[in-house]
């Protein structure tokens, strides 16, 4: 996501604020999804980190969810 030309400091602050807000929304969506759909939660937290790579809550939950997903794959019956 980029704009053409030079952006003002005010615009940069506003865009950063919007990115953080979007990241927080995707974090919350991941939290809700985690209860029933680990894969969806992972997708939501990955999207959260695209908007705000410094979102430590999303990074931590993503790491834990990926580990849980791997454990689930290990105990799932082979088809």
N, C-alpha and C. Protein backbone atom coordinates (compact mmCIF):
# COMPACT_ATOMS: atom_id res chain seq x y z
N UNK A 1 0.84 -1.17 0.00
CA UNK A 1 0.00 0.00 0.00
C UNK A 1 0.89 1.24 0.00
N UNK A 2 0.75 2.01 -1.02
CA UNK A 2 1.56 3.22 -1.12
C UNK A 2 0.78 4.29 -1.87
N UNK A 3 1.14 5.51 -1.63
CA UNK A 3 0.56 6.64 -2.33
C UNK A 3 1.59 7.21 -3.30
N UNK A 4 1.11 7.85 -4.31
CA UNK A 4 2.02 8.51 -5.23
C UNK A 4 2.47 9.84 -4.63
N UNK A 5 3.71 10.20 -4.89
CA UNK A 5 4.21 11.48 -4.41
C UNK A 5 4.59 11.44 -2.94
N UNK A 6 4.90 12.59 -2.45
CA UNK A 6 5.30 12.74 -1.05
C UNK A 6 4.08 12.78 -0.15
N UNK A 7 4.14 12.08 0.95
CA UNK A 7 3.04 12.13 1.91
C UNK A 7 3.46 13.02 3.08
N UNK A 8 2.47 13.61 3.69
CA UNK A 8 2.72 14.51 4.81
C UNK A 8 2.88 13.69 6.09
N UNK A 9 3.55 14.27 7.08
CA UNK A 9 3.69 13.56 8.36
C UNK A 9 2.32 13.22 8.98
N UNK A 10 1.35 14.12 8.80
CA UNK A 10 0.01 13.86 9.35
C UNK A 10 -0.61 12.63 8.68
N UNK A 11 -0.44 12.55 7.37
CA UNK A 11 -0.99 11.41 6.63
C UNK A 11 -0.30 10.12 7.07
N UNK A 12 1.01 10.18 7.24
CA UNK A 12 1.75 8.99 7.70
C UNK A 12 1.26 8.53 9.06
N UNK A 13 1.03 9.47 9.98
CA UNK A 13 0.52 9.10 11.31
C UNK A 13 -0.87 8.48 11.20
N UNK A 14 -1.72 9.06 10.36
CA UNK A 14 -3.07 8.54 10.18
C UNK A 14 -3.04 7.13 9.58
N UNK A 15 -2.19 6.93 8.59
CA UNK A 15 -2.09 5.61 7.97
C UNK A 15 -1.56 4.57 8.98
N UNK A 16 -0.59 4.96 9.78
CA UNK A 16 -0.07 4.03 10.79
C UNK A 16 -1.15 3.67 11.81
N UNK A 17 -1.94 4.66 12.18
CA UNK A 17 -3.03 4.42 13.11
C UNK A 17 -4.06 3.47 12.51
N UNK A 18 -4.38 3.66 11.25
CA UNK A 18 -5.33 2.78 10.57
C UNK A 18 -4.78 1.36 10.44
N UNK A 19 -3.50 1.24 10.15
CA UNK A 19 -2.88 -0.09 10.05
C UNK A 19 -2.95 -0.82 11.39
N UNK A 20 -2.67 -0.09 12.47
CA UNK A 20 -2.74 -0.71 13.80
C UNK A 20 -4.17 -1.15 14.12
N UNK A 21 -5.14 -0.30 13.75
CA UNK A 21 -6.54 -0.64 14.01
C UNK A 21 -6.95 -1.89 13.22
N UNK A 22 -6.54 -1.96 11.96
CA UNK A 22 -6.84 -3.15 11.16
C UNK A 22 -6.16 -4.38 11.75
N UNK A 23 -4.93 -4.23 12.16
CA UNK A 23 -4.20 -5.33 12.77
C UNK A 23 -4.93 -5.83 14.01
N UNK A 24 -5.40 -4.92 14.83
CA UNK A 24 -6.13 -5.29 16.04
C UNK A 24 -7.44 -6.01 15.71
N UNK A 25 -8.11 -5.56 14.65
CA UNK A 25 -9.35 -6.23 14.23
C UNK A 25 -9.07 -7.67 13.80
N UNK A 26 -8.03 -7.86 13.01
CA UNK A 26 -7.68 -9.21 12.57
C UNK A 26 -7.21 -10.07 13.75
N UNK A 27 -6.54 -9.46 14.71
CA UNK A 27 -6.15 -10.19 15.91
C UNK A 27 -7.40 -10.71 16.63
N UNK A 28 -8.37 -9.84 16.83
CA UNK A 28 -9.61 -10.22 17.51
C UNK A 28 -10.37 -11.28 16.74
N UNK A 29 -10.39 -11.15 15.42
CA UNK A 29 -11.05 -12.14 14.59
C UNK A 29 -10.36 -13.50 14.73
N UNK A 30 -9.05 -13.49 14.81
CA UNK A 30 -8.31 -14.73 15.03
C UNK A 30 -8.63 -15.35 16.37
N UNK A 31 -8.76 -14.53 17.38
CA UNK A 31 -9.12 -15.04 18.70
C UNK A 31 -10.47 -15.75 18.67
N UNK A 32 -11.44 -15.14 18.00
CA UNK A 32 -12.77 -15.76 17.91
C UNK A 32 -12.71 -17.06 17.10
N UNK A 33 -11.97 -17.04 16.01
CA UNK A 33 -11.90 -18.22 15.13
C UNK A 33 -11.14 -19.38 15.78
N UNK A 34 -10.19 -19.09 16.63
CA UNK A 34 -9.32 -20.12 17.20
C UNK A 34 -10.10 -21.21 17.92
N UNK A 35 -11.21 -20.85 18.49
CA UNK A 35 -12.01 -21.82 19.25
C UNK A 35 -12.52 -22.96 18.38
N UNK A 36 -12.79 -22.66 17.11
CA UNK A 36 -13.41 -23.66 16.24
C UNK A 36 -12.63 -23.96 14.97
N UNK A 37 -11.72 -23.07 14.57
CA UNK A 37 -11.03 -23.23 13.28
C UNK A 37 -9.61 -22.68 13.38
N UNK A 38 -8.67 -23.56 13.70
CA UNK A 38 -7.28 -23.14 13.89
C UNK A 38 -6.70 -22.55 12.60
N UNK A 39 -7.02 -23.16 11.46
CA UNK A 39 -6.49 -22.67 10.18
C UNK A 39 -6.96 -21.25 9.88
N UNK A 40 -8.22 -20.96 10.15
CA UNK A 40 -8.74 -19.61 9.94
C UNK A 40 -8.06 -18.63 10.90
N UNK A 41 -7.88 -19.04 12.13
CA UNK A 41 -7.21 -18.17 13.11
C UNK A 41 -5.80 -17.84 12.63
N UNK A 42 -5.09 -18.82 12.12
CA UNK A 42 -3.74 -18.59 11.61
C UNK A 42 -3.77 -17.56 10.49
N UNK A 43 -4.72 -17.71 9.58
CA UNK A 43 -4.86 -16.75 8.47
C UNK A 43 -5.13 -15.34 8.99
N UNK A 44 -5.99 -15.24 9.99
CA UNK A 44 -6.32 -13.93 10.55
C UNK A 44 -5.10 -13.28 11.21
N UNK A 45 -4.33 -14.06 11.93
CA UNK A 45 -3.15 -13.51 12.60
C UNK A 45 -2.04 -13.17 11.60
N UNK A 46 -1.94 -13.94 10.53
CA UNK A 46 -0.98 -13.59 9.48
C UNK A 46 -1.35 -12.25 8.84
N UNK A 47 -2.64 -12.06 8.60
CA UNK A 47 -3.11 -10.79 8.04
C UNK A 47 -2.87 -9.66 9.01
N UNK A 48 -3.11 -9.90 10.28
CA UNK A 48 -2.85 -8.89 11.31
C UNK A 48 -1.40 -8.43 11.25
N UNK A 49 -0.49 -9.38 11.09
CA UNK A 49 0.94 -9.04 11.05
C UNK A 49 1.34 -8.34 9.75
N UNK A 50 0.60 -8.56 8.68
CA UNK A 50 0.88 -7.81 7.45
C UNK A 50 0.58 -6.32 7.65
N UNK A 51 -0.48 -6.02 8.39
CA UNK A 51 -0.82 -4.63 8.65
C UNK A 51 0.09 -4.00 9.70
N UNK A 52 0.49 -4.78 10.69
CA UNK A 52 1.36 -4.26 11.75
C UNK A 52 2.33 -5.36 12.17
N UNK A 53 3.51 -5.41 11.53
CA UNK A 53 4.49 -6.45 11.86
C UNK A 53 4.96 -6.43 13.31
N UNK A 54 4.72 -5.34 14.01
CA UNK A 54 5.15 -5.22 15.41
C UNK A 54 4.08 -5.67 16.40
N UNK A 55 2.98 -6.21 15.92
CA UNK A 55 1.90 -6.65 16.79
C UNK A 55 2.33 -7.95 17.47
N UNK A 56 2.87 -7.83 18.66
CA UNK A 56 3.41 -8.98 19.38
C UNK A 56 2.33 -9.98 19.79
N UNK A 57 1.13 -9.49 20.08
CA UNK A 57 0.05 -10.42 20.45
C UNK A 57 -0.25 -11.35 19.29
N UNK A 58 -0.34 -10.80 18.08
CA UNK A 58 -0.61 -11.63 16.91
C UNK A 58 0.55 -12.58 16.64
N UNK A 59 1.76 -12.09 16.76
CA UNK A 59 2.93 -12.93 16.51
C UNK A 59 2.97 -14.11 17.48
N UNK A 60 2.69 -13.84 18.74
CA UNK A 60 2.71 -14.91 19.75
C UNK A 60 1.59 -15.92 19.53
N UNK A 61 0.39 -15.42 19.25
CA UNK A 61 -0.74 -16.33 19.02
C UNK A 61 -0.53 -17.15 17.75
N UNK A 62 0.05 -16.53 16.72
CA UNK A 62 0.32 -17.23 15.48
C UNK A 62 1.31 -18.36 15.72
N UNK A 63 2.36 -18.08 16.46
CA UNK A 63 3.35 -19.11 16.78
C UNK A 63 2.70 -20.27 17.53
N UNK A 64 1.89 -19.95 18.53
CA UNK A 64 1.23 -20.99 19.32
C UNK A 64 0.23 -21.79 18.49
N UNK A 65 -0.51 -21.10 17.62
CA UNK A 65 -1.51 -21.77 16.79
C UNK A 65 -0.84 -22.70 15.79
N UNK A 66 0.27 -22.28 15.22
CA UNK A 66 0.99 -23.15 14.29
C UNK A 66 1.50 -24.40 15.00
N UNK A 67 1.97 -24.24 16.23
CA UNK A 67 2.44 -25.39 17.01
C UNK A 67 1.27 -26.32 17.32
N UNK A 68 0.13 -25.76 17.68
CA UNK A 68 -1.05 -26.57 17.97
C UNK A 68 -1.52 -27.31 16.72
N UNK A 69 -1.47 -26.62 15.59
CA UNK A 69 -1.88 -27.25 14.33
C UNK A 69 -0.97 -28.44 13.99
N UNK A 70 0.31 -28.30 14.23
CA UNK A 70 1.24 -29.40 13.98
C UNK A 70 0.95 -30.58 14.91
N UNK A 71 0.65 -30.29 16.17
CA UNK A 71 0.30 -31.35 17.12
C UNK A 71 -0.96 -32.07 16.68
N UNK A 72 -1.95 -31.30 16.22
CA UNK A 72 -3.21 -31.90 15.76
C UNK A 72 -2.96 -32.80 14.55
N UNK A 73 -2.10 -32.37 13.66
CA UNK A 73 -1.78 -33.20 12.50
C UNK A 73 -1.13 -34.52 12.93
N UNK A 74 -0.36 -34.45 13.98
CA UNK A 74 0.34 -35.64 14.47
C UNK A 74 -0.60 -36.66 15.12
N UNK A 75 -1.71 -36.20 15.68
CA UNK A 75 -2.62 -37.13 16.34
C UNK A 75 -3.82 -37.50 15.47
N UNK A 76 -3.98 -36.82 14.34
CA UNK A 76 -5.12 -37.11 13.46
C UNK A 76 -4.90 -38.47 12.80
N UNK A 77 -5.96 -39.24 12.68
CA UNK A 77 -5.83 -40.56 12.04
C UNK A 77 -5.47 -40.41 10.56
N UNK A 78 -4.60 -41.27 10.10
CA UNK A 78 -4.19 -41.24 8.70
C UNK A 78 -5.31 -41.78 7.84
N UNK A 79 -5.49 -41.18 6.68
CA UNK A 79 -6.55 -41.64 5.76
C UNK A 79 -5.96 -42.40 4.63
